[in-house]
Structures are given as C-alpha cells and as structure tokens.
Amino acid sequence: MRLLVVFAGFAAAVSVATPAQADPGSNDSGPDASFLAALDKAGITYGSKAVAVSVGKEACAMMDQGHPETEVIKDVSASNPGFTPSGATNFTTLAVSAYCPQHVGDPTVQAPLTLPPTGMWPAFPLPTPGAG
C-alpha cells in the first residue's frame, strides 16, 4: 500500500513537471545523482528530485521482495498516467541500474502458474479407446 502512495505522489509530480536538470554546480556523485542524471539524459521529467529518487528506490524494494520487473513497470505506469509504457520501462530500468544492479538481467516474467494438487478440480473421465 505504501508503494501505491509513493507512486501516486510521483504521478502528481510528473503530471506537473517541467524538464528538470541536474544542478550544474553540484558535485554529487552517488547513486542518487547518477540516477537523476540518467533520467535527465533519457528525457524523463520529474517535479521533485526527492520523489523521483524515492520511487526509484521503491521499485528496487519491490524487486528485492520478489516482484518481477514487469510487475514493477506496470505499477510505475499505472500510478503515473503521464508515463508512456516506454517511459515507465525506462524509469524502472534506470532505477534498477542505479539502486539494485543485482537485478539487472533478472527474468522479467513471473514463474509459470502451477495448478493446485489433484483433487481440487472436477474429474472429467476421458473415453477409453476401444471401449464400447
């Protein structure tokens, strides 16, 4: 639930955002500065640096909890109507690169659906060949 609140806040910030640029006099060289510079280079606008960084870190927190990248991208997109699907994908990819590089190259799909144990589905007997 907390993630949706963060994404909702980010949606508001993105919807009224003007193109943001890194502070030219800033000497920041940590992951936050790298992430913001990558967003700027990709043309992804944001209203608040703090919110953009927070959402990027939340995307990684979701992946750390086992959510596949595609699910995180869908959440970013759904929570930020100003994003195109490719914008949400770019944002999430940049967040992963900056904050959780251990997830770079992770499979982007969920594990295959497994059926419940036998006995939970009704049995439909198939006709036996030759039985008549």
Protein backbone atom coordinates (compact mmCIF):
# COMPACT_ATOMS: atom_id res chain seq x y z
CA MET A 1 0.00 0.00 0.00
CA ARG A 2 2.86 2.35 0.86
CA LEU A 3 4.23 1.85 -2.64
CA LEU A 4 0.96 2.99 -4.21
CA VAL A 5 1.03 6.16 -2.10
CA VAL A 6 4.60 6.87 -3.22
CA PHE A 7 3.68 6.18 -6.85
CA ALA A 8 0.58 8.38 -6.52
CA GLY A 9 2.75 11.20 -5.21
CA PHE A 10 5.13 10.64 -8.08
CA ALA A 11 2.20 10.76 -10.51
CA ALA A 12 1.26 14.19 -9.24
CA ALA A 13 4.85 15.36 -9.53
CA VAL A 14 5.25 14.00 -13.06
CA SER A 15 1.97 15.42 -14.29
CA VAL A 16 3.01 18.99 -13.45
CA ALA A 17 6.71 18.54 -14.07
CA THR A 18 8.79 20.84 -16.14
CA PRO A 19 12.01 19.48 -17.55
CA ALA A 20 14.42 19.19 -14.66
CA GLN A 21 18.13 19.42 -14.97
CA ALA A 22 20.83 18.47 -12.53
CA ASP A 23 22.29 21.38 -10.64
CA PRO A 24 25.32 22.46 -12.66
CA GLY A 25 27.28 23.39 -9.52
CA SER A 26 26.51 20.15 -7.74
CA ASN A 27 29.37 17.75 -7.14
CA ASP A 28 27.17 14.82 -6.10
CA SER A 29 28.49 11.57 -7.44
CA GLY A 30 26.44 8.99 -5.51
CA PRO A 31 23.73 6.71 -6.86
CA ASP A 32 21.02 9.38 -6.42
CA ALA A 33 22.93 11.87 -8.57
CA SER A 34 23.70 9.16 -11.14
CA PHE A 35 20.02 8.16 -11.27
CA LEU A 36 18.84 11.76 -11.69
CA ALA A 37 21.45 12.38 -14.38
CA ALA A 38 20.33 9.22 -16.21
CA LEU A 39 16.68 10.38 -16.02
CA ASP A 40 17.69 13.77 -17.44
CA LYS A 41 19.72 12.15 -20.22
CA ALA A 42 16.77 9.89 -21.10
CA GLY A 43 14.44 12.90 -21.23
CA ILE A 44 12.31 11.67 -18.31
CA THR A 45 10.97 14.71 -16.49
CA TYR A 46 10.13 14.91 -12.80
CA GLY A 47 8.97 17.65 -10.49
CA SER A 48 10.90 16.66 -7.40
CA LYS A 49 14.29 15.03 -7.19
CA ALA A 50 13.42 13.56 -3.80
CA VAL A 51 10.23 11.93 -5.11
CA ALA A 52 11.95 10.55 -8.21
CA VAL A 53 14.71 9.04 -6.06
CA SER A 54 12.16 7.64 -3.60
CA VAL A 55 10.12 5.97 -6.34
CA GLY A 56 13.28 4.56 -7.91
CA LYS A 57 14.29 3.04 -4.59
CA GLU A 58 10.76 1.69 -4.02
CA ALA A 59 10.90 -0.02 -7.42
CA CYS A 60 14.05 -1.82 -6.26
CA ALA A 61 12.45 -2.66 -2.92
CA MET A 62 9.63 -4.38 -4.81
CA MET A 63 12.14 -6.36 -6.84
CA ASP A 64 14.00 -7.29 -3.65
CA GLN A 65 10.68 -8.69 -2.37
CA GLY A 66 10.48 -10.95 -5.41
CA HIS A 67 8.23 -8.93 -7.72
CA PRO A 68 9.32 -9.34 -11.35
CA GLU A 69 10.44 -6.26 -13.23
CA THR A 70 7.38 -6.40 -15.50
CA GLU A 71 5.10 -6.08 -12.47
CA VAL A 72 7.11 -3.13 -11.16
CA ILE A 73 6.92 -1.45 -14.58
CA LYS A 74 3.15 -1.96 -14.64
CA ASP A 75 2.86 -0.37 -11.18
CA VAL A 76 5.00 2.60 -12.21
CA SER A 77 2.92 3.03 -15.36
CA ALA A 78 -0.46 2.64 -13.63
CA SER A 79 0.48 5.05 -10.87
CA ASN A 80 1.84 7.67 -13.25
CA PRO A 81 -0.57 8.37 -16.09
CA GLY A 82 1.92 10.87 -17.53
CA PHE A 83 4.25 7.99 -18.38
CA THR A 84 4.05 6.17 -21.65
CA PRO A 85 4.73 2.43 -21.37
CA SER A 86 8.24 3.03 -22.68
CA GLY A 87 8.73 5.87 -20.17
CA ALA A 88 7.77 3.61 -17.27
CA THR A 89 10.08 0.92 -18.64
CA ASN A 90 12.96 3.39 -18.99
CA PHE A 91 12.39 4.79 -15.49
CA THR A 92 12.36 1.31 -13.94
CA THR A 93 15.39 0.16 -15.92
CA LEU A 94 17.35 3.23 -14.81
CA ALA A 95 16.26 2.69 -11.19
CA VAL A 96 17.45 -0.92 -11.33
CA SER A 97 20.79 0.13 -12.78
CA ALA A 98 21.28 2.80 -10.11
CA TYR A 99 19.88 1.20 -6.97
CA CYS A 100 19.74 -2.57 -7.39
CA PRO A 101 22.17 -3.67 -10.08
CA GLN A 102 21.94 -7.21 -8.69
CA HIS A 103 18.59 -7.39 -10.51
CA VAL A 104 19.97 -6.41 -13.92
CA GLY A 105 19.34 -9.39 -16.17
CA ASP A 106 16.75 -10.96 -13.85
CA PRO A 107 13.98 -12.74 -15.72
CA THR A 108 11.26 -10.21 -16.46
CA VAL A 109 8.39 -12.66 -16.21
CA GLN A 110 6.78 -14.33 -13.27
CA ALA A 111 7.21 -18.01 -12.60
CA PRO A 112 4.77 -20.19 -14.51
CA LEU A 113 1.41 -20.75 -12.92
CA THR A 114 1.14 -24.08 -11.18
CA LEU A 115 -2.14 -25.92 -10.83
CA PRO A 116 -3.47 -26.93 -7.43
CA PRO A 117 -2.93 -30.52 -6.30
CA THR A 118 -5.09 -33.22 -7.84
CA GLY A 119 -8.50 -33.49 -6.27
CA MET A 120 -9.33 -29.81 -6.36
CA TRP A 121 -10.54 -29.82 -9.93
CA PRO A 122 -13.53 -31.89 -11.04
CA ALA A 123 -12.57 -35.04 -12.86
CA PHE A 124 -13.85 -35.48 -16.38
CA PRO A 125 -13.18 -39.07 -17.46
CA LEU A 126 -11.99 -39.45 -20.98
CA PRO A 127 -13.39 -42.31 -23.04
CA THR A 128 -11.07 -45.27 -23.27
CA PRO A 129 -10.20 -46.17 -26.84
CA GLY A 130 -11.81 -49.44 -27.86
CA ALA A 131 -14.35 -49.36 -25.03
CA GLY A 132 -17.72 -49.54 -26.32
